[in-house]
Amino acid sequence: MMDEQPAEEESARHMRWLRQVKGVPDEKPMSAVDMKALFKDLRFADSKDSIGLQLADIVASTFHRACKGTLQKDGWKPLGALLVSRKKSVVNLIAISAA
């Protein structure tokens, strides 16, 4: 996790934007997952012997196709039952970039 104050400038800028969008007051501390640290030692496993990876791939592919519009509603409608549901957002996406 990283705190808002010591974050790199780009990360701090995204967190300020998220604070504004979510309506979080300035006096309330915020933190976020440090994605650079998270993916620092990223390795991919072969899914042929892992049912868990195969199931995660099915869910990810279904979600991807649903977002692209290449899967009919009957194909993606049951996907919601597999995801965690809470009143507040579980994950906040703050940036997608090529860099």
N, C-alpha and C. Protein backbone atom coordinates (compact mmCIF):
# COMPACT_ATOMS: atom_id res chain seq x y z
N MET A 1 0.84 -1.17 0.00
CA MET A 1 0.00 0.00 0.00
C MET A 1 0.89 1.24 0.00
N MET A 2 0.35 2.30 -0.56
CA MET A 2 1.06 3.58 -0.52
C MET A 2 0.10 4.64 -0.01
N ASP A 3 0.66 5.57 0.74
CA ASP A 3 -0.12 6.68 1.26
C ASP A 3 -0.15 7.79 0.23
N GLU A 4 -1.15 8.61 0.33
CA GLU A 4 -1.34 9.70 -0.62
C GLU A 4 -0.19 10.71 -0.58
N GLN A 5 0.29 11.07 0.60
CA GLN A 5 1.31 12.11 0.72
C GLN A 5 2.67 11.73 0.16
N PRO A 6 3.26 10.58 0.52
CA PRO A 6 4.59 10.28 -0.02
C PRO A 6 4.58 9.63 -1.41
N ALA A 7 3.43 9.57 -2.04
CA ALA A 7 3.32 8.91 -3.35
C ALA A 7 4.07 9.72 -4.41
N GLU A 8 4.50 9.03 -5.47
CA GLU A 8 5.11 9.71 -6.62
C GLU A 8 4.10 10.71 -7.17
N GLU A 9 4.56 11.73 -7.86
CA GLU A 9 3.68 12.80 -8.32
C GLU A 9 2.54 12.27 -9.19
N GLU A 10 2.83 11.37 -10.12
CA GLU A 10 1.77 10.85 -11.00
C GLU A 10 0.73 10.09 -10.19
N SER A 11 1.18 9.26 -9.25
CA SER A 11 0.24 8.52 -8.41
C SER A 11 -0.56 9.46 -7.52
N ALA A 12 0.10 10.48 -6.98
CA ALA A 12 -0.59 11.45 -6.13
C ALA A 12 -1.65 12.20 -6.94
N ARG A 13 -1.33 12.51 -8.19
CA ARG A 13 -2.31 13.19 -9.07
C ARG A 13 -3.53 12.31 -9.28
N HIS A 14 -3.34 11.02 -9.52
CA HIS A 14 -4.47 10.10 -9.69
C HIS A 14 -5.29 9.99 -8.41
N MET A 15 -4.61 9.97 -7.28
CA MET A 15 -5.32 9.87 -6.01
C MET A 15 -6.11 11.14 -5.71
N ARG A 16 -5.59 12.31 -6.09
CA ARG A 16 -6.35 13.56 -5.93
C ARG A 16 -7.60 13.52 -6.80
N TRP A 17 -7.46 13.00 -8.02
CA TRP A 17 -8.62 12.87 -8.92
C TRP A 17 -9.65 11.91 -8.31
N LEU A 18 -9.18 10.78 -7.80
CA LEU A 18 -10.08 9.81 -7.19
C LEU A 18 -10.78 10.42 -5.97
N ARG A 19 -10.05 11.19 -5.18
CA ARG A 19 -10.64 11.86 -4.02
C ARG A 19 -11.77 12.78 -4.47
N GLN A 20 -11.55 13.51 -5.55
CA GLN A 20 -12.55 14.43 -6.07
C GLN A 20 -13.77 13.67 -6.60
N VAL A 21 -13.54 12.64 -7.38
CA VAL A 21 -14.64 11.86 -7.97
C VAL A 21 -15.48 11.17 -6.90
N LYS A 22 -14.82 10.60 -5.89
CA LYS A 22 -15.52 9.86 -4.84
C LYS A 22 -16.06 10.78 -3.75
N GLY A 23 -15.67 12.07 -3.77
CA GLY A 23 -16.15 13.00 -2.76
C GLY A 23 -15.56 12.76 -1.38
N VAL A 24 -14.30 12.30 -1.33
CA VAL A 24 -13.64 12.05 -0.05
C VAL A 24 -13.06 13.37 0.46
N PRO A 25 -13.39 13.77 1.69
CA PRO A 25 -12.87 15.04 2.22
C PRO A 25 -11.35 15.02 2.33
N ASP A 26 -10.73 16.21 2.20
CA ASP A 26 -9.27 16.33 2.24
C ASP A 26 -8.68 15.85 3.55
N GLU A 27 -9.40 16.00 4.66
CA GLU A 27 -8.85 15.62 5.96
C GLU A 27 -8.86 14.11 6.19
N LYS A 28 -9.59 13.37 5.38
CA LYS A 28 -9.63 11.91 5.53
C LYS A 28 -8.45 11.29 4.76
N PRO A 29 -7.57 10.56 5.46
CA PRO A 29 -6.41 9.98 4.77
C PRO A 29 -6.84 8.92 3.75
N MET A 30 -6.11 8.87 2.66
CA MET A 30 -6.37 7.85 1.63
C MET A 30 -5.10 7.06 1.38
N SER A 31 -5.28 5.82 0.99
CA SER A 31 -4.16 5.00 0.57
C SER A 31 -4.63 4.17 -0.62
N ALA A 32 -3.68 3.61 -1.33
CA ALA A 32 -4.00 2.81 -2.52
C ALA A 32 -2.97 1.71 -2.68
N VAL A 33 -3.29 0.76 -3.50
CA VAL A 33 -2.35 -0.31 -3.80
C VAL A 33 -1.25 0.25 -4.70
N ASP A 34 -0.02 0.00 -4.34
CA ASP A 34 1.13 0.42 -5.14
C ASP A 34 1.30 -0.62 -6.25
N MET A 35 0.76 -0.30 -7.42
CA MET A 35 0.74 -1.27 -8.52
C MET A 35 2.16 -1.61 -9.01
N LYS A 36 3.06 -0.65 -8.97
CA LYS A 36 4.45 -0.94 -9.39
C LYS A 36 5.07 -2.00 -8.49
N ALA A 37 4.87 -1.86 -7.18
CA ALA A 37 5.40 -2.85 -6.24
C ALA A 37 4.69 -4.19 -6.40
N LEU A 38 3.39 -4.14 -6.65
CA LEU A 38 2.60 -5.36 -6.79
C LEU A 38 3.07 -6.20 -7.98
N PHE A 39 3.35 -5.54 -9.10
CA PHE A 39 3.73 -6.27 -10.31
C PHE A 39 5.24 -6.37 -10.52
N LYS A 40 6.01 -5.96 -9.54
CA LYS A 40 7.47 -5.96 -9.65
C LYS A 40 8.03 -7.34 -10.00
N ASP A 41 7.56 -8.35 -9.31
CA ASP A 41 8.06 -9.73 -9.52
C ASP A 41 7.00 -10.61 -10.16
N LEU A 42 6.25 -10.06 -11.10
CA LEU A 42 5.16 -10.78 -11.75
C LEU A 42 5.69 -11.95 -12.59
N ARG A 43 5.09 -13.12 -12.39
CA ARG A 43 5.42 -14.30 -13.18
C ARG A 43 4.12 -14.98 -13.58
N PHE A 44 4.10 -15.57 -14.75
CA PHE A 44 2.91 -16.25 -15.24
C PHE A 44 3.10 -17.75 -15.17
N ALA A 45 2.09 -18.44 -14.66
CA ALA A 45 2.13 -19.89 -14.56
C ALA A 45 1.36 -20.50 -15.72
N ASP A 46 1.70 -21.74 -16.05
CA ASP A 46 0.96 -22.48 -17.07
C ASP A 46 -0.33 -22.99 -16.43
N SER A 47 -1.46 -22.69 -17.06
CA SER A 47 -2.75 -23.04 -16.46
C SER A 47 -3.19 -24.48 -16.74
N LYS A 48 -2.42 -25.24 -17.51
CA LYS A 48 -2.88 -26.58 -17.87
C LYS A 48 -3.08 -27.49 -16.67
N ASP A 49 -2.35 -27.25 -15.58
CA ASP A 49 -2.49 -28.08 -14.39
C ASP A 49 -3.16 -27.34 -13.23
N SER A 50 -3.76 -26.18 -13.50
CA SER A 50 -4.36 -25.39 -12.43
C SER A 50 -5.79 -25.03 -12.77
N ILE A 51 -6.73 -25.70 -12.13
CA ILE A 51 -8.14 -25.43 -12.38
C ILE A 51 -8.50 -24.01 -11.96
N GLY A 52 -7.85 -23.49 -10.91
CA GLY A 52 -8.11 -22.13 -10.46
C GLY A 52 -7.75 -21.10 -11.52
N LEU A 53 -6.59 -21.27 -12.16
CA LEU A 53 -6.19 -20.37 -13.24
C LEU A 53 -7.11 -20.50 -14.44
N GLN A 54 -7.55 -21.70 -14.73
CA GLN A 54 -8.46 -21.90 -15.85
C GLN A 54 -9.79 -21.19 -15.59
N LEU A 55 -10.31 -21.29 -14.37
CA LEU A 55 -11.57 -20.62 -14.03
C LEU A 55 -11.40 -19.10 -14.05
N ALA A 56 -10.27 -18.61 -13.54
CA ALA A 56 -10.02 -17.17 -13.57
C ALA A 56 -9.94 -16.68 -15.01
N ASP A 57 -9.35 -17.48 -15.89
CA ASP A 57 -9.25 -17.11 -17.31
C ASP A 57 -10.64 -17.06 -17.96
N ILE A 58 -11.49 -17.98 -17.60
CA ILE A 58 -12.86 -17.99 -18.14
C ILE A 58 -13.60 -16.73 -17.71
N VAL A 59 -13.50 -16.39 -16.42
CA VAL A 59 -14.17 -15.19 -15.91
C VAL A 59 -13.61 -13.94 -16.59
N ALA A 60 -12.29 -13.84 -16.68
CA ALA A 60 -11.66 -12.66 -17.29
C ALA A 60 -12.04 -12.55 -18.77
N SER A 61 -12.04 -13.65 -19.49
CA SER A 61 -12.41 -13.63 -20.91
C SER A 61 -13.87 -13.24 -21.09
N THR A 62 -14.73 -13.75 -20.23
CA THR A 62 -16.15 -13.40 -20.30
C THR A 62 -16.35 -11.92 -20.05
N PHE A 63 -15.69 -11.39 -19.01
CA PHE A 63 -15.79 -9.97 -18.69
C PHE A 63 -15.27 -9.12 -19.85
N HIS A 64 -14.14 -9.51 -20.42
CA HIS A 64 -13.54 -8.78 -21.55
C HIS A 64 -14.49 -8.76 -22.75
N ARG A 65 -15.04 -9.90 -23.10
CA ARG A 65 -15.96 -9.96 -24.24
C ARG A 65 -17.24 -9.17 -23.97
N ALA A 66 -17.71 -9.19 -22.72
CA ALA A 66 -18.91 -8.42 -22.38
C ALA A 66 -18.64 -6.93 -22.56
N CYS A 67 -17.47 -6.47 -22.12
CA CYS A 67 -17.11 -5.05 -22.26
C CYS A 67 -16.95 -4.65 -23.73
N LYS A 68 -16.44 -5.56 -24.54
CA LYS A 68 -16.25 -5.27 -25.97
C LYS A 68 -17.55 -5.36 -26.76
N GLY A 69 -18.57 -6.00 -26.18
CA GLY A 69 -19.84 -6.15 -26.87
C GLY A 69 -19.87 -7.34 -27.82
N THR A 70 -18.94 -8.29 -27.63
CA THR A 70 -18.89 -9.47 -28.50
C THR A 70 -19.49 -10.71 -27.83
N LEU A 71 -20.22 -10.49 -26.73
CA LEU A 71 -20.87 -11.59 -26.03
C LEU A 71 -22.29 -11.14 -25.69
N GLN A 72 -23.25 -11.96 -26.04
CA GLN A 72 -24.64 -11.61 -25.76
C GLN A 72 -24.91 -11.63 -24.25
N LYS A 73 -25.98 -10.94 -23.84
CA LYS A 73 -26.32 -10.81 -22.43
C LYS A 73 -26.44 -12.17 -21.74
N ASP A 74 -27.00 -13.16 -22.42
CA ASP A 74 -27.14 -14.49 -21.82
C ASP A 74 -25.78 -15.09 -21.46
N GLY A 75 -24.74 -14.66 -22.16
CA GLY A 75 -23.40 -15.17 -21.88
C GLY A 75 -22.73 -14.52 -20.69
N TRP A 76 -23.01 -13.24 -20.44
CA TRP A 76 -22.34 -12.55 -19.33
C TRP A 76 -23.23 -12.28 -18.12
N LYS A 77 -24.53 -12.42 -18.24
CA LYS A 77 -25.43 -12.11 -17.13
C LYS A 77 -25.09 -12.89 -15.85
N PRO A 78 -24.81 -14.19 -15.90
CA PRO A 78 -24.49 -14.93 -14.68
C PRO A 78 -23.14 -14.56 -14.06
N LEU A 79 -22.33 -13.77 -14.75
CA LEU A 79 -20.99 -13.41 -14.26
C LEU A 79 -21.06 -12.67 -12.93
N GLY A 80 -22.08 -11.84 -12.73
CA GLY A 80 -22.20 -11.07 -11.51
C GLY A 80 -22.24 -11.92 -10.25
N ALA A 81 -22.79 -13.12 -10.34
CA ALA A 81 -22.87 -14.00 -9.17
C ALA A 81 -21.50 -14.47 -8.72
N LEU A 82 -20.50 -14.41 -9.59
CA LEU A 82 -19.14 -14.85 -9.24
C LEU A 82 -18.32 -13.74 -8.59
N LEU A 83 -18.79 -12.50 -8.68
CA LEU A 83 -18.02 -11.36 -8.18
C LEU A 83 -18.49 -10.96 -6.79
N VAL A 84 -17.58 -10.38 -6.02
CA VAL A 84 -17.91 -9.91 -4.68
C VAL A 84 -18.79 -8.68 -4.79
N SER A 85 -19.88 -8.66 -4.05
CA SER A 85 -20.80 -7.52 -4.07
C SER A 85 -20.79 -6.84 -2.70
N ARG A 86 -20.51 -5.54 -2.70
CA ARG A 86 -20.54 -4.73 -1.48
C ARG A 86 -21.17 -3.40 -1.81
N LYS A 87 -21.62 -2.69 -0.79
CA LYS A 87 -22.24 -1.40 -1.02
C LYS A 87 -21.25 -0.39 -1.58
N LYS A 88 -20.02 -0.39 -1.06
CA LYS A 88 -18.99 0.51 -1.57
C LYS A 88 -18.14 -0.25 -2.59
N SER A 89 -17.51 0.49 -3.47
CA SER A 89 -16.67 -0.13 -4.49
C SER A 89 -15.55 -0.92 -3.85
N VAL A 90 -15.28 -2.09 -4.39
CA VAL A 90 -14.18 -2.90 -3.91
C VAL A 90 -12.88 -2.44 -4.55
N VAL A 91 -12.93 -2.12 -5.83
CA VAL A 91 -11.75 -1.68 -6.56
C VAL A 91 -12.05 -0.36 -7.25
N ASN A 92 -11.15 0.59 -7.13
CA ASN A 92 -11.26 1.85 -7.85
C ASN A 92 -10.17 1.91 -8.89
N LEU A 93 -10.55 1.95 -10.14
CA LEU A 93 -9.59 2.04 -11.23
C LEU A 93 -9.22 3.50 -11.40
N ILE A 94 -7.92 3.82 -11.29
CA ILE A 94 -7.54 5.22 -11.35
C ILE A 94 -6.84 5.59 -12.66
N ALA A 95 -6.26 4.64 -13.37
CA ALA A 95 -5.59 5.01 -14.63
C ALA A 95 -5.30 3.77 -15.46
N ILE A 96 -5.43 3.95 -16.75
CA ILE A 96 -4.99 2.94 -17.70
C ILE A 96 -4.11 3.69 -18.69
N SER A 97 -2.86 3.25 -18.82
CA SER A 97 -1.96 3.93 -19.73
C SER A 97 -0.96 2.95 -20.30
N ALA A 98 -0.33 3.36 -21.37
CA ALA A 98 0.68 2.51 -22.02
C ALA A 98 2.01 2.56 -21.29
N ALA A 99 2.22 3.59 -20.48
CA ALA A 99 3.51 3.76 -19.79
C ALA A 99 3.56 3.03 -18.49
